[in-house]
Protein backbone atom coordinates (compact mmCIF):
# COMPACT_ATOMS: atom_id res chain seq x y z
CA UNK A 1 0.00 0.00 0.00
CA UNK A 2 2.82 2.40 0.86
CA UNK A 3 4.52 1.77 -2.48
CA UNK A 4 1.27 2.48 -4.32
CA UNK A 5 0.78 5.80 -2.46
CA UNK A 6 4.42 6.67 -3.12
CA UNK A 7 4.01 6.07 -6.84
CA UNK A 8 0.89 8.23 -6.85
CA UNK A 9 2.77 10.98 -4.99
CA UNK A 10 5.51 10.91 -7.63
CA UNK A 11 2.93 11.20 -10.42
CA UNK A 12 1.26 14.12 -8.63
CA UNK A 13 4.62 15.83 -8.14
CA UNK A 14 5.31 15.57 -11.86
CA UNK A 15 1.89 17.11 -12.57
CA UNK A 16 2.71 19.97 -10.17
CA UNK A 17 5.85 20.90 -12.09
CA UNK A 18 4.20 23.49 -14.40
CA UNK A 19 2.39 25.09 -11.45
CA UNK A 20 5.43 25.49 -9.19
CA UNK A 21 6.01 29.10 -10.29
CA UNK A 22 2.54 30.00 -8.99
CA UNK A 23 3.12 28.42 -5.58
CA UNK A 24 3.96 30.44 -2.51
CA UNK A 25 7.35 30.19 -0.82
CA UNK A 26 6.16 27.67 1.82
CA UNK A 27 4.60 25.45 -0.84
CA UNK A 28 7.82 25.53 -2.86
CA UNK A 29 9.71 24.39 0.23
CA UNK A 30 7.31 21.48 0.66
CA UNK A 31 7.65 20.52 -3.01
CA UNK A 32 11.44 20.54 -2.68
CA UNK A 33 11.26 18.41 0.47
CA UNK A 34 9.08 15.93 -1.44
CA UNK A 35 11.58 15.85 -4.29
CA UNK A 36 14.44 15.13 -1.90
CA UNK A 37 12.46 12.42 -0.12
CA UNK A 38 11.54 10.82 -3.47
CA UNK A 39 15.16 10.85 -4.64
CA UNK A 40 16.31 9.29 -1.38
CA UNK A 41 13.41 6.80 -1.50
CA UNK A 42 12.07 7.95 1.88
CA UNK A 43 8.49 7.00 1.09
CA UNK A 44 6.98 7.89 4.45
CA UNK A 45 8.62 11.33 4.48
CA UNK A 46 7.51 12.02 0.91
CA UNK A 47 3.92 11.11 1.73
CA UNK A 48 4.01 13.27 4.87
CA UNK A 49 5.20 16.28 2.87
CA UNK A 50 2.58 15.64 0.14
CA UNK A 51 -0.08 15.57 2.84
CA UNK A 52 1.12 18.93 4.21
CA UNK A 53 1.13 20.39 0.71
CA UNK A 54 -2.41 19.18 0.07
CA UNK A 55 -3.63 20.65 3.37
CA UNK A 56 -1.94 23.96 2.59
CA UNK A 57 -3.44 24.12 -0.92
CA UNK A 58 -6.99 23.45 0.33
C-alpha atoms as a PDB file:
ATOM      1  CA  UNK A   1       0.000   0.000   0.000  1.00  0.00           C
ATOM      2  CA  UNK A   2       2.817   2.404   0.865  1.00  0.00           C
ATOM      3  CA  UNK A   3       4.516   1.766  -2.477  1.00  0.00           C
ATOM      4  CA  UNK A   4       1.271   2.485  -4.324  1.00  0.00           C
ATOM      5  CA  UNK A   5       0.780   5.798  -2.456  1.00  0.00           C
ATOM      6  CA  UNK A   6       4.416   6.675  -3.121  1.00  0.00           C
ATOM      7  CA  UNK A   7       4.011   6.074  -6.845  1.00  0.00           C
ATOM      8  CA  UNK A   8       0.892   8.234  -6.850  1.00  0.00           C
ATOM      9  CA  UNK A   9       2.768  10.984  -4.989  1.00  0.00           C
ATOM     10  CA  UNK A  10       5.512  10.913  -7.630  1.00  0.00           C
ATOM     11  CA  UNK A  11       2.932  11.202 -10.416  1.00  0.00           C
ATOM     12  CA  UNK A  12       1.260  14.117  -8.626  1.00  0.00           C
ATOM     13  CA  UNK A  13       4.617  15.826  -8.137  1.00  0.00           C
ATOM     14  CA  UNK A  14       5.311  15.569 -11.859  1.00  0.00           C
ATOM     15  CA  UNK A  15       1.891  17.108 -12.566  1.00  0.00           C
ATOM     16  CA  UNK A  16       2.714  19.972 -10.172  1.00  0.00           C
ATOM     17  CA  UNK A  17       5.854  20.903 -12.092  1.00  0.00           C
ATOM     18  CA  UNK A  18       4.197  23.491 -14.399  1.00  0.00           C
ATOM     19  CA  UNK A  19       2.393  25.090 -11.448  1.00  0.00           C
ATOM     20  CA  UNK A  20       5.433  25.494  -9.191  1.00  0.00           C
ATOM     21  CA  UNK A  21       6.009  29.098 -10.294  1.00  0.00           C
ATOM     22  CA  UNK A  22       2.542  30.000  -8.986  1.00  0.00           C
ATOM     23  CA  UNK A  23       3.123  28.423  -5.576  1.00  0.00           C
ATOM     24  CA  UNK A  24       3.957  30.437  -2.507  1.00  0.00           C
ATOM     25  CA  UNK A  25       7.346  30.187  -0.822  1.00  0.00           C
ATOM     26  CA  UNK A  26       6.162  27.671   1.823  1.00  0.00           C
ATOM     27  CA  UNK A  27       4.602  25.446  -0.845  1.00  0.00           C
ATOM     28  CA  UNK A  28       7.825  25.529  -2.856  1.00  0.00           C
ATOM     29  CA  UNK A  29       9.711  24.394   0.227  1.00  0.00           C
ATOM     30  CA  UNK A  30       7.308  21.479   0.658  1.00  0.00           C
ATOM     31  CA  UNK A  31       7.653  20.524  -3.012  1.00  0.00           C
ATOM     32  CA  UNK A  32      11.445  20.539  -2.683  1.00  0.00           C
ATOM     33  CA  UNK A  33      11.259  18.412   0.465  1.00  0.00           C
ATOM     34  CA  UNK A  34       9.083  15.934  -1.436  1.00  0.00           C
ATOM     35  CA  UNK A  35      11.584  15.852  -4.294  1.00  0.00           C
ATOM     36  CA  UNK A  36      14.442  15.126  -1.900  1.00  0.00           C
ATOM     37  CA  UNK A  37      12.462  12.416  -0.122  1.00  0.00           C
ATOM     38  CA  UNK A  38      11.540  10.821  -3.471  1.00  0.00           C
ATOM     39  CA  UNK A  39      15.163  10.853  -4.643  1.00  0.00           C
ATOM     40  CA  UNK A  40      16.309   9.289  -1.382  1.00  0.00           C
ATOM     41  CA  UNK A  41      13.410   6.802  -1.502  1.00  0.00           C
ATOM     42  CA  UNK A  42      12.066   7.953   1.878  1.00  0.00           C
ATOM     43  CA  UNK A  43       8.495   6.997   1.091  1.00  0.00           C
ATOM     44  CA  UNK A  44       6.981   7.888   4.455  1.00  0.00           C
ATOM     45  CA  UNK A  45       8.616  11.326   4.485  1.00  0.00           C
ATOM     46  CA  UNK A  46       7.508  12.024   0.908  1.00  0.00           C
ATOM     47  CA  UNK A  47       3.922  11.114   1.731  1.00  0.00           C
ATOM     48  CA  UNK A  48       4.015  13.271   4.866  1.00  0.00           C
ATOM     49  CA  UNK A  49       5.196  16.285   2.870  1.00  0.00           C
ATOM     50  CA  UNK A  50       2.585  15.644   0.136  1.00  0.00           C
ATOM     51  CA  UNK A  51      -0.076  15.569   2.843  1.00  0.00           C
ATOM     52  CA  UNK A  52       1.118  18.933   4.205  1.00  0.00           C
ATOM     53  CA  UNK A  53       1.132  20.390   0.709  1.00  0.00           C
ATOM     54  CA  UNK A  54      -2.413  19.180   0.066  1.00  0.00           C
ATOM     55  CA  UNK A  55      -3.631  20.650   3.371  1.00  0.00           C
ATOM     56  CA  UNK A  56      -1.944  23.958   2.591  1.00  0.00           C
ATOM     57  CA  UNK A  57      -3.437  24.118  -0.921  1.00  0.00           C
ATOM     58  CA  UNK A  58      -6.993  23.454   0.329  1.00  0.00           C
END
